[in-house]
Amino acid sequence: MMEKLNQADKTRKYQWMLTGVTAVLLLLLYFIIFHFSAQDGDESSSLSQRITQKGVEIANSLAGNAWSDEKVAGLEDRYEHFIRKTAHFAEYAYMGVLVYLLWRQWICRKRKLYLLTTGWVFLSAAGDEFHQYFVPGRYASPWDVLLDTCGGFVGMLFCIGVSSLYRRHKKKAMEKVKRKRHLM
């Protein structure tokens, strides 16, 4: 009886520890998103352009620096929007992971957990776009809310997939142990 109580205490400590770490990481992510959203249009665009330039520079280096200046400039122009949207998607995919992990410790019903995670990410994305509406040179886009929500959904699916693989691996390991014990 005492052993079960100790296991329950350990499980509860683990839940609170994971909740605390996840909450801190989520708050840090909110801070980062708010910081990027508070940048005016020129500053935000400049950051995306610098990242795109660095990416094209690396790709050109891998290609043996064979690209002309015109091709490099064209690639930078072509991929800047893609880089910006990929960053949005990635931020919210990470949010989906964190929100899922935060609530997975406390909510057992899968459907409720999935709806809560997706709804949380959607409201966060909508709030971010609302904030951007008031920043000079920026605008609010329902398409960005959709993209961000999809990112969060993919982050949640990643967690579900990893969890499923872990359970499958654990089940196979347990079956292997049972077979060994049966043979003895």
N, C-alpha and C. Protein backbone atom coordinates (compact mmCIF):
# COMPACT_ATOMS: atom_id res chain seq x y z
N MET A 1 0.82 -1.20 0.00
CA MET A 1 0.00 0.00 0.00
C MET A 1 0.87 1.26 0.00
N MET A 2 1.91 1.24 0.82
CA MET A 2 2.80 2.41 0.92
C MET A 2 3.52 2.65 -0.39
N GLU A 3 3.87 1.55 -1.11
CA GLU A 3 4.56 1.68 -2.39
C GLU A 3 3.67 2.40 -3.41
N LYS A 4 2.37 2.07 -3.43
CA LYS A 4 1.45 2.73 -4.35
C LYS A 4 1.31 4.21 -4.02
N LEU A 5 1.29 4.53 -2.74
CA LEU A 5 1.18 5.92 -2.33
C LEU A 5 2.42 6.70 -2.77
N ASN A 6 3.59 6.11 -2.60
CA ASN A 6 4.82 6.76 -3.02
C ASN A 6 4.83 6.98 -4.53
N GLN A 7 4.35 6.01 -5.30
CA GLN A 7 4.28 6.15 -6.75
C GLN A 7 3.31 7.27 -7.13
N ALA A 8 2.20 7.37 -6.42
CA ALA A 8 1.24 8.44 -6.69
C ALA A 8 1.85 9.80 -6.38
N ASP A 9 2.61 9.89 -5.28
CA ASP A 9 3.30 11.13 -4.94
C ASP A 9 4.31 11.51 -6.01
N LYS A 10 5.07 10.52 -6.49
CA LYS A 10 6.05 10.78 -7.54
C LYS A 10 5.36 11.26 -8.82
N THR A 11 4.24 10.63 -9.16
CA THR A 11 3.51 11.02 -10.36
C THR A 11 3.00 12.44 -10.22
N ARG A 12 2.46 12.79 -9.08
CA ARG A 12 1.95 14.15 -8.86
C ARG A 12 3.07 15.18 -8.91
N LYS A 13 4.23 14.87 -8.33
CA LYS A 13 5.37 15.78 -8.40
C LYS A 13 5.82 15.98 -9.84
N TYR A 14 5.85 14.88 -10.60
CA TYR A 14 6.22 14.96 -12.01
C TYR A 14 5.22 15.85 -12.77
N GLN A 15 3.92 15.67 -12.49
CA GLN A 15 2.90 16.50 -13.15
C GLN A 15 3.13 17.98 -12.87
N TRP A 16 3.35 18.32 -11.62
CA TRP A 16 3.55 19.72 -11.26
C TRP A 16 4.85 20.27 -11.83
N MET A 17 5.89 19.45 -11.85
CA MET A 17 7.16 19.89 -12.41
C MET A 17 7.02 20.16 -13.91
N LEU A 18 6.41 19.22 -14.63
CA LEU A 18 6.22 19.40 -16.06
C LEU A 18 5.31 20.58 -16.34
N THR A 19 4.28 20.76 -15.53
CA THR A 19 3.38 21.91 -15.69
C THR A 19 4.14 23.22 -15.49
N GLY A 20 4.97 23.28 -14.47
CA GLY A 20 5.74 24.50 -14.19
C GLY A 20 6.71 24.84 -15.31
N VAL A 21 7.48 23.86 -15.75
CA VAL A 21 8.45 24.09 -16.82
C VAL A 21 7.73 24.50 -18.10
N THR A 22 6.66 23.81 -18.42
CA THR A 22 5.91 24.11 -19.64
C THR A 22 5.30 25.51 -19.57
N ALA A 23 4.76 25.87 -18.41
CA ALA A 23 4.17 27.20 -18.26
C ALA A 23 5.21 28.30 -18.43
N VAL A 24 6.40 28.10 -17.88
CA VAL A 24 7.47 29.09 -18.04
C VAL A 24 7.87 29.22 -19.50
N LEU A 25 8.03 28.09 -20.18
CA LEU A 25 8.37 28.13 -21.61
C LEU A 25 7.27 28.80 -22.44
N LEU A 26 6.03 28.53 -22.08
CA LEU A 26 4.91 29.14 -22.79
C LEU A 26 4.89 30.65 -22.58
N LEU A 27 5.13 31.09 -21.36
CA LEU A 27 5.20 32.53 -21.09
C LEU A 27 6.35 33.18 -21.86
N LEU A 28 7.48 32.50 -21.93
CA LEU A 28 8.61 33.01 -22.70
C LEU A 28 8.24 33.12 -24.19
N LEU A 29 7.55 32.12 -24.70
CA LEU A 29 7.11 32.16 -26.09
C LEU A 29 6.15 33.33 -26.33
N TYR A 30 5.22 33.55 -25.40
CA TYR A 30 4.31 34.69 -25.53
C TYR A 30 5.09 36.00 -25.55
N PHE A 31 6.10 36.11 -24.72
CA PHE A 31 6.92 37.31 -24.70
C PHE A 31 7.60 37.52 -26.06
N ILE A 32 8.16 36.46 -26.62
CA ILE A 32 8.83 36.55 -27.92
C ILE A 32 7.84 36.95 -29.02
N ILE A 33 6.67 36.31 -29.03
CA ILE A 33 5.67 36.63 -30.04
C ILE A 33 5.23 38.09 -29.89
N PHE A 34 4.99 38.53 -28.66
CA PHE A 34 4.57 39.92 -28.44
C PHE A 34 5.66 40.88 -28.90
N HIS A 35 6.91 40.54 -28.62
CA HIS A 35 8.03 41.39 -29.05
C HIS A 35 8.07 41.53 -30.57
N PHE A 36 7.95 40.41 -31.28
CA PHE A 36 7.97 40.47 -32.74
C PHE A 36 6.75 41.22 -33.28
N SER A 37 5.60 41.02 -32.65
CA SER A 37 4.38 41.70 -33.11
C SER A 37 4.41 43.19 -32.86
N ALA A 38 5.17 43.61 -31.87
CA ALA A 38 5.25 45.04 -31.54
C ALA A 38 6.19 45.80 -32.47
N GLN A 39 6.96 45.07 -33.29
CA GLN A 39 7.85 45.74 -34.24
C GLN A 39 7.01 46.42 -35.32
N ASP A 40 7.40 47.64 -35.70
CA ASP A 40 6.66 48.30 -36.78
C ASP A 40 6.95 47.58 -38.10
N GLY A 41 6.23 47.95 -39.12
CA GLY A 41 6.32 47.26 -40.40
C GLY A 41 7.73 47.22 -40.97
N ASP A 42 8.45 48.35 -40.91
CA ASP A 42 9.81 48.40 -41.46
C ASP A 42 10.77 47.49 -40.69
N GLU A 43 10.69 47.54 -39.37
CA GLU A 43 11.57 46.73 -38.54
C GLU A 43 11.31 45.23 -38.75
N SER A 44 10.03 44.86 -38.81
CA SER A 44 9.65 43.47 -39.01
C SER A 44 10.12 42.97 -40.37
N SER A 45 9.89 43.79 -41.39
CA SER A 45 10.29 43.42 -42.74
C SER A 45 11.80 43.30 -42.85
N SER A 46 12.52 44.20 -42.19
CA SER A 46 13.98 44.18 -42.21
C SER A 46 14.53 42.89 -41.61
N LEU A 47 13.92 42.43 -40.51
CA LEU A 47 14.35 41.19 -39.88
C LEU A 47 14.13 40.01 -40.83
N SER A 48 12.97 39.94 -41.45
CA SER A 48 12.68 38.85 -42.39
C SER A 48 13.66 38.88 -43.56
N GLN A 49 13.95 40.08 -44.04
CA GLN A 49 14.89 40.20 -45.17
C GLN A 49 16.29 39.73 -44.79
N ARG A 50 16.74 40.09 -43.58
CA ARG A 50 18.08 39.66 -43.14
C ARG A 50 18.16 38.14 -43.02
N ILE A 51 17.12 37.54 -42.48
CA ILE A 51 17.11 36.08 -42.34
C ILE A 51 17.11 35.42 -43.71
N THR A 52 16.31 35.96 -44.63
CA THR A 52 16.24 35.41 -45.98
C THR A 52 17.58 35.58 -46.69
N GLN A 53 18.19 36.75 -46.55
CA GLN A 53 19.50 36.98 -47.17
C GLN A 53 20.52 35.97 -46.67
N LYS A 54 20.52 35.72 -45.37
CA LYS A 54 21.46 34.76 -44.79
C LYS A 54 21.20 33.35 -45.34
N GLY A 55 19.93 32.99 -45.45
CA GLY A 55 19.59 31.67 -46.00
C GLY A 55 20.02 31.51 -47.44
N VAL A 56 19.80 32.53 -48.26
CA VAL A 56 20.21 32.49 -49.67
C VAL A 56 21.73 32.48 -49.76
N GLU A 57 22.39 33.24 -48.90
CA GLU A 57 23.85 33.27 -48.87
C GLU A 57 24.41 31.87 -48.56
N ILE A 58 23.81 31.18 -47.61
CA ILE A 58 24.25 29.82 -47.27
C ILE A 58 23.99 28.87 -48.43
N ALA A 59 22.81 28.97 -49.05
CA ALA A 59 22.49 28.11 -50.19
C ALA A 59 23.46 28.37 -51.34
N ASN A 60 23.78 29.63 -51.60
CA ASN A 60 24.73 29.97 -52.66
C ASN A 60 26.11 29.40 -52.34
N SER A 61 26.50 29.48 -51.08
CA SER A 61 27.79 28.92 -50.67
C SER A 61 27.82 27.41 -50.90
N LEU A 62 26.72 26.74 -50.58
CA LEU A 62 26.64 25.29 -50.80
C LEU A 62 26.66 24.95 -52.29
N ALA A 63 26.20 25.91 -53.12
CA ALA A 63 26.20 25.72 -54.57
C ALA A 63 27.53 26.15 -55.18
N GLY A 64 28.52 26.44 -54.35
CA GLY A 64 29.83 26.83 -54.86
C GLY A 64 29.92 28.30 -55.26
N ASN A 65 29.03 29.13 -54.67
CA ASN A 65 28.98 30.57 -55.00
C ASN A 65 28.86 30.82 -56.49
N ALA A 66 28.08 29.99 -57.16
CA ALA A 66 27.93 30.07 -58.61
C ALA A 66 26.80 30.99 -59.06
N TRP A 67 26.02 31.50 -58.14
CA TRP A 67 24.86 32.30 -58.53
C TRP A 67 25.26 33.75 -58.77
N SER A 68 24.61 34.34 -59.74
CA SER A 68 24.84 35.76 -60.04
C SER A 68 24.17 36.63 -58.98
N ASP A 69 24.57 37.89 -58.92
CA ASP A 69 23.95 38.82 -57.97
C ASP A 69 22.47 38.98 -58.24
N GLU A 70 22.09 38.95 -59.52
CA GLU A 70 20.67 39.07 -59.89
C GLU A 70 19.87 37.87 -59.40
N LYS A 71 20.45 36.69 -59.53
CA LYS A 71 19.76 35.48 -59.07
C LYS A 71 19.62 35.50 -57.55
N VAL A 72 20.67 35.91 -56.85
CA VAL A 72 20.63 35.98 -55.39
C VAL A 72 19.54 36.96 -54.96
N ALA A 73 19.51 38.14 -55.58
CA ALA A 73 18.49 39.15 -55.23
C ALA A 73 17.09 38.63 -55.54
N GLY A 74 16.94 37.94 -56.66
CA GLY A 74 15.64 37.38 -57.02
C GLY A 74 15.17 36.33 -56.03
N LEU A 75 16.09 35.48 -55.60
CA LEU A 75 15.75 34.45 -54.60
C LEU A 75 15.38 35.08 -53.26
N GLU A 76 16.10 36.12 -52.89
CA GLU A 76 15.78 36.81 -51.64
C GLU A 76 14.37 37.40 -51.69
N ASP A 77 14.04 38.04 -52.81
CA ASP A 77 12.70 38.61 -52.97
C ASP A 77 11.62 37.53 -52.97
N ARG A 78 11.93 36.43 -53.65
CA ARG A 78 10.96 35.35 -53.80
C ARG A 78 10.64 34.66 -52.47
N TYR A 79 11.65 34.45 -51.63
CA TYR A 79 11.48 33.63 -50.43
C TYR A 79 11.25 34.41 -49.14
N GLU A 80 11.34 35.73 -49.17
CA GLU A 80 11.16 36.52 -47.95
C GLU A 80 9.77 36.29 -47.33
N HIS A 81 8.73 36.32 -48.14
CA HIS A 81 7.36 36.10 -47.63
C HIS A 81 7.22 34.68 -47.07
N PHE A 82 7.79 33.71 -47.77
CA PHE A 82 7.74 32.32 -47.32
C PHE A 82 8.43 32.15 -45.97
N ILE A 83 9.59 32.79 -45.81
CA ILE A 83 10.34 32.71 -44.54
C ILE A 83 9.51 33.31 -43.41
N ARG A 84 8.88 34.46 -43.68
CA ARG A 84 8.06 35.13 -42.67
C ARG A 84 6.90 34.23 -42.22
N LYS A 85 6.21 33.63 -43.17
CA LYS A 85 5.06 32.78 -42.84
C LYS A 85 5.50 31.48 -42.17
N THR A 86 6.66 30.96 -42.58
CA THR A 86 7.18 29.75 -41.94
C THR A 86 7.52 30.03 -40.48
N ALA A 87 8.04 31.22 -40.21
CA ALA A 87 8.34 31.59 -38.82
C ALA A 87 7.05 31.65 -37.99
N HIS A 88 5.99 32.24 -38.56
CA HIS A 88 4.69 32.27 -37.88
C HIS A 88 4.24 30.85 -37.56
N PHE A 89 4.28 30.00 -38.57
CA PHE A 89 3.82 28.62 -38.42
C PHE A 89 4.63 27.91 -37.34
N ALA A 90 5.95 28.09 -37.35
CA ALA A 90 6.82 27.42 -36.39
C ALA A 90 6.58 27.91 -34.96
N GLU A 91 6.39 29.22 -34.78
CA GLU A 91 6.12 29.76 -33.44
C GLU A 91 4.87 29.11 -32.86
N TYR A 92 3.85 29.01 -33.67
CA TYR A 92 2.58 28.48 -33.17
C TYR A 92 2.58 26.96 -33.11
N ALA A 93 3.42 26.30 -33.91
CA ALA A 93 3.58 24.85 -33.76
C ALA A 93 4.20 24.56 -32.39
N TYR A 94 5.19 25.37 -32.04
CA TYR A 94 5.81 25.24 -30.72
C TYR A 94 4.78 25.53 -29.63
N MET A 95 3.94 26.53 -29.84
CA MET A 95 2.88 26.81 -28.87
C MET A 95 1.94 25.62 -28.74
N GLY A 96 1.60 24.99 -29.86
CA GLY A 96 0.73 23.81 -29.82
C GLY A 96 1.34 22.70 -28.99
N VAL A 97 2.64 22.50 -29.13
CA VAL A 97 3.35 21.49 -28.33
C VAL A 97 3.25 21.84 -26.85
N LEU A 98 3.56 23.10 -26.52
CA LEU A 98 3.58 23.50 -25.12
C LEU A 98 2.19 23.45 -24.48
N VAL A 99 1.18 23.94 -25.18
CA VAL A 99 -0.17 23.93 -24.62
C VAL A 99 -0.65 22.49 -24.43
N TYR A 100 -0.37 21.64 -25.42
CA TYR A 100 -0.75 20.23 -25.30
C TYR A 100 -0.07 19.60 -24.08
N LEU A 101 1.24 19.82 -23.94
CA LEU A 101 1.96 19.25 -22.79
C LEU A 101 1.46 19.81 -21.47
N LEU A 102 1.14 21.09 -21.46
CA LEU A 102 0.64 21.73 -20.25
C LEU A 102 -0.65 21.07 -19.77
N TRP A 103 -1.58 20.87 -20.68
CA TRP A 103 -2.89 20.35 -20.28
C TRP A 103 -2.97 18.84 -20.28
N ARG A 104 -2.06 18.15 -20.96
CA ARG A 104 -2.10 16.69 -21.02
C ARG A 104 -1.93 16.08 -19.64
N GLN A 105 -1.26 16.77 -18.76
CA GLN A 105 -1.04 16.27 -17.41
C GLN A 105 -2.33 16.23 -16.59
N TRP A 106 -3.32 17.03 -16.99
CA TRP A 106 -4.50 17.22 -16.15
C TRP A 106 -5.81 16.82 -16.83
N ILE A 107 -5.81 16.68 -18.14
CA ILE A 107 -7.04 16.34 -18.86
C ILE A 107 -6.86 14.98 -19.52
N CYS A 108 -7.71 14.05 -19.18
CA CYS A 108 -7.58 12.69 -19.70
C CYS A 108 -8.39 12.47 -20.98
N ARG A 109 -9.50 13.17 -21.11
CA ARG A 109 -10.34 12.98 -22.30
C ARG A 109 -9.67 13.62 -23.52
N LYS A 110 -9.34 12.78 -24.49
CA LYS A 110 -8.58 13.25 -25.64
C LYS A 110 -9.29 14.34 -26.41
N ARG A 111 -10.56 14.16 -26.67
CA ARG A 111 -11.29 15.15 -27.47
C ARG A 111 -11.27 16.53 -26.79
N LYS A 112 -11.48 16.54 -25.49
CA LYS A 112 -11.46 17.80 -24.74
C LYS A 112 -10.07 18.43 -24.81
N LEU A 113 -9.03 17.62 -24.69
CA LEU A 113 -7.65 18.10 -24.75
C LEU A 113 -7.36 18.69 -26.13
N TYR A 114 -7.78 18.01 -27.19
CA TYR A 114 -7.53 18.49 -28.55
C TYR A 114 -8.26 19.80 -28.81
N LEU A 115 -9.51 19.88 -28.37
CA LEU A 115 -10.29 21.11 -28.57
C LEU A 115 -9.70 22.27 -27.75
N LEU A 116 -9.30 22.00 -26.52
CA LEU A 116 -8.71 23.04 -25.68
C LEU A 116 -7.41 23.55 -26.29
N THR A 117 -6.56 22.65 -26.75
CA THR A 117 -5.28 23.05 -27.34
C THR A 117 -5.50 23.89 -28.59
N THR A 118 -6.35 23.41 -29.49
CA THR A 118 -6.61 24.13 -30.74
C THR A 118 -7.27 25.48 -30.45
N GLY A 119 -8.23 25.51 -29.55
CA GLY A 119 -8.91 26.75 -29.20
C GLY A 119 -7.96 27.75 -28.57
N TRP A 120 -7.09 27.28 -27.70
CA TRP A 120 -6.11 28.14 -27.03
C TRP A 120 -5.20 28.80 -28.07
N VAL A 121 -4.69 27.98 -29.01
CA VAL A 121 -3.80 28.50 -30.04
C VAL A 121 -4.55 29.49 -30.94
N PHE A 122 -5.79 29.16 -31.29
CA PHE A 122 -6.59 30.06 -32.12
C PHE A 122 -6.78 31.42 -31.43
N LEU A 123 -7.16 31.40 -30.16
CA LEU A 123 -7.36 32.66 -29.44
C LEU A 123 -6.05 33.43 -29.29
N SER A 124 -4.95 32.73 -29.10
CA SER A 124 -3.65 33.40 -29.01
C SER A 124 -3.30 34.05 -30.35
N ALA A 125 -3.54 33.36 -31.44
CA ALA A 125 -3.24 33.90 -32.77
C ALA A 125 -4.14 35.10 -33.07
N ALA A 126 -5.41 34.99 -32.71
CA ALA A 126 -6.34 36.11 -32.93
C ALA A 126 -5.92 37.32 -32.09
N GLY A 127 -5.51 37.08 -30.87
CA GLY A 127 -5.05 38.17 -30.01
C GLY A 127 -3.79 38.82 -30.56
N ASP A 128 -2.89 38.02 -31.10
CA ASP A 128 -1.67 38.54 -31.70
C ASP A 128 -2.00 39.42 -32.92
N GLU A 129 -2.90 38.96 -33.75
CA GLU A 129 -3.29 39.75 -34.92
C GLU A 129 -4.00 41.04 -34.50
N PHE A 130 -4.83 40.96 -33.47
CA PHE A 130 -5.50 42.15 -32.95
C PHE A 130 -4.45 43.17 -32.48
N HIS A 131 -3.43 42.67 -31.78
CA HIS A 131 -2.34 43.53 -31.32
C HIS A 131 -1.64 44.18 -32.51
N GLN A 132 -1.36 43.41 -33.55
CA GLN A 132 -0.67 43.94 -34.72
C GLN A 132 -1.47 45.03 -35.42
N TYR A 133 -2.77 44.97 -35.31
CA TYR A 133 -3.63 45.96 -35.96
C TYR A 133 -3.28 47.38 -35.49
N PHE A 134 -2.81 47.51 -34.27
CA PHE A 134 -2.51 48.82 -33.69
C PHE A 134 -1.04 49.23 -33.83
N VAL A 135 -0.23 48.41 -34.47
CA VAL A 135 1.19 48.70 -34.65
C VAL A 135 1.37 49.37 -36.02
N PRO A 136 2.06 50.52 -36.05
CA PRO A 136 2.27 51.22 -37.33
C PRO A 136 2.94 50.34 -38.38
N GLY A 137 2.40 50.36 -39.58
CA GLY A 137 2.96 49.59 -40.68
C GLY A 137 2.60 48.12 -40.67
N ARG A 138 1.78 47.70 -39.73
CA ARG A 138 1.36 46.29 -39.64
C ARG A 138 -0.15 46.23 -39.83
N TYR A 139 -0.65 45.05 -40.08
CA TYR A 139 -2.08 44.87 -40.24
C TYR A 139 -2.49 43.52 -39.66
N ALA A 140 -3.77 43.39 -39.42
CA ALA A 140 -4.31 42.13 -38.90
C ALA A 140 -4.83 41.31 -40.08
N SER A 141 -4.51 40.03 -40.09
CA SER A 141 -4.93 39.17 -41.19
C SER A 141 -5.60 37.91 -40.66
N PRO A 142 -6.84 37.66 -41.08
CA PRO A 142 -7.47 36.40 -40.69
C PRO A 142 -6.71 35.19 -41.26
N TRP A 143 -6.00 35.38 -42.37
CA TRP A 143 -5.21 34.29 -42.95
C TRP A 143 -4.05 33.92 -42.05
N ASP A 144 -3.47 34.92 -41.39
CA ASP A 144 -2.40 34.63 -40.43
C ASP A 144 -2.94 33.88 -39.22
N VAL A 145 -4.14 34.23 -38.79
CA VAL A 145 -4.76 33.50 -37.68
C VAL A 145 -4.94 32.04 -38.07
N LEU A 146 -5.41 31.81 -39.30
CA LEU A 146 -5.60 30.44 -39.79
C LEU A 146 -4.25 29.71 -39.88
N LEU A 147 -3.25 30.37 -40.44
CA LEU A 147 -1.93 29.76 -40.56
C LEU A 147 -1.36 29.42 -39.18
N ASP A 148 -1.47 30.35 -38.24
CA ASP A 148 -0.96 30.13 -36.89
C ASP A 148 -1.70 28.98 -36.20
N THR A 149 -3.00 28.93 -36.37
CA THR A 149 -3.80 27.86 -35.77
C THR A 149 -3.41 26.51 -36.37
N CYS A 150 -3.18 26.49 -37.68
CA CYS A 150 -2.71 25.25 -38.31
C CYS A 150 -1.35 24.84 -37.76
N GLY A 151 -0.48 25.82 -37.52
CA GLY A 151 0.82 25.51 -36.90
C GLY A 151 0.64 24.88 -35.54
N GLY A 152 -0.24 25.44 -34.72
CA GLY A 152 -0.51 24.88 -33.41
C GLY A 152 -1.08 23.48 -33.48
N PHE A 153 -1.96 23.26 -34.47
CA PHE A 153 -2.56 21.95 -34.67
C PHE A 153 -1.49 20.93 -35.05
N VAL A 154 -0.57 21.32 -35.91
CA VAL A 154 0.52 20.42 -36.31
C VAL A 154 1.43 20.12 -35.11
N GLY A 155 1.68 21.13 -34.27
CA GLY A 155 2.46 20.89 -33.05
C GLY A 155 1.79 19.88 -32.14
N MET A 156 0.46 20.00 -32.01
CA MET A 156 -0.30 19.06 -31.20
C MET A 156 -0.23 17.65 -31.82
N LEU A 157 -0.38 17.57 -33.15
CA LEU A 157 -0.29 16.27 -33.82
C LEU A 157 1.09 15.63 -33.63
N PHE A 158 2.12 16.47 -33.62
CA PHE A 158 3.46 15.96 -33.35
C PHE A 158 3.51 15.28 -31.98
N CYS A 159 2.95 15.93 -30.97
CA CYS A 159 2.92 15.35 -29.61
C CYS A 159 2.14 14.05 -29.59
N ILE A 160 1.01 14.03 -30.27
CA ILE A 160 0.18 12.82 -30.31
C ILE A 160 0.96 11.68 -30.97
N GLY A 161 1.67 11.99 -32.05
CA GLY A 161 2.46 10.98 -32.75
C GLY A 161 3.59 10.45 -31.89
N VAL A 162 4.32 11.33 -31.24
CA VAL A 162 5.42 10.91 -30.38
C VAL A 162 4.90 10.07 -29.23
N SER A 163 3.78 10.50 -28.65
CA SER A 163 3.18 9.75 -27.55
C SER A 163 2.76 8.35 -28.00
N SER A 164 2.19 8.28 -29.18
CA SER A 164 1.76 6.98 -29.72
C SER A 164 2.96 6.06 -29.95
N LEU A 165 4.02 6.61 -30.51
CA LEU A 165 5.23 5.81 -30.72
C LEU A 165 5.82 5.34 -29.40
N TYR A 166 5.82 6.23 -28.40
CA TYR A 166 6.34 5.87 -27.08
C TYR A 166 5.52 4.73 -26.46
N ARG A 167 4.19 4.85 -26.53
CA ARG A 167 3.34 3.80 -25.96
C ARG A 167 3.56 2.47 -26.68
N ARG A 168 3.69 2.51 -28.00
CA ARG A 168 3.91 1.29 -28.77
C ARG A 168 5.24 0.66 -28.38
N HIS A 169 6.27 1.48 -28.25
CA HIS A 169 7.59 0.97 -27.86
C HIS A 169 7.53 0.36 -26.45
N LYS A 170 6.86 1.06 -25.55
CA LYS A 170 6.75 0.59 -24.17
C LYS A 170 5.99 -0.74 -24.11
N LYS A 171 4.93 -0.85 -24.91
CA LYS A 171 4.14 -2.08 -24.94
C LYS A 171 4.97 -3.25 -25.46
N LYS A 172 5.76 -3.02 -26.51
CA LYS A 172 6.62 -4.08 -27.04
C LYS A 172 7.67 -4.49 -26.02
N ALA A 173 8.23 -3.53 -25.30
CA ALA A 173 9.23 -3.83 -24.29
C ALA A 173 8.62 -4.67 -23.17
N MET A 174 7.41 -4.33 -22.76
CA MET A 174 6.73 -5.09 -21.71
C MET A 174 6.43 -6.52 -22.18
N GLU A 175 6.01 -6.66 -23.43
CA GLU A 175 5.74 -8.00 -23.97
C GLU A 175 7.01 -8.83 -24.01
N LYS A 176 8.12 -8.19 -24.34
CA LYS A 176 9.41 -8.88 -24.39
C LYS A 176 9.79 -9.37 -22.99
N VAL A 177 9.59 -8.55 -21.98
CA VAL A 177 9.89 -8.93 -20.60
C VAL A 177 8.99 -10.10 -20.18
N LYS A 178 7.71 -10.04 -20.53
CA LYS A 178 6.78 -11.12 -20.18
C LYS A 178 7.19 -12.44 -20.84
N ARG A 179 7.63 -12.37 -22.10
CA ARG A 179 8.06 -13.59 -22.79
C ARG A 179 9.30 -14.18 -22.12
N LYS A 180 10.22 -13.30 -21.71
CA LYS A 180 11.43 -13.78 -21.03
C LYS A 180 11.07 -14.46 -19.71
N ARG A 181 10.15 -13.85 -18.96
CA ARG A 181 9.74 -14.43 -17.68
C ARG A 181 9.01 -15.75 -17.91
N HIS A 182 8.25 -15.84 -18.98
CA HIS A 182 7.49 -17.06 -19.27
C HIS A 182 8.44 -18.19 -19.64
N LEU A 183 9.54 -17.87 -20.32
CA LEU A 183 10.50 -18.89 -20.72
C LEU A 183 11.32 -19.40 -19.54
N MET A 184 11.44 -18.61 -18.49
CA MET A 184 12.26 -19.00 -17.34
C MET A 184 11.58 -20.02 -16.53
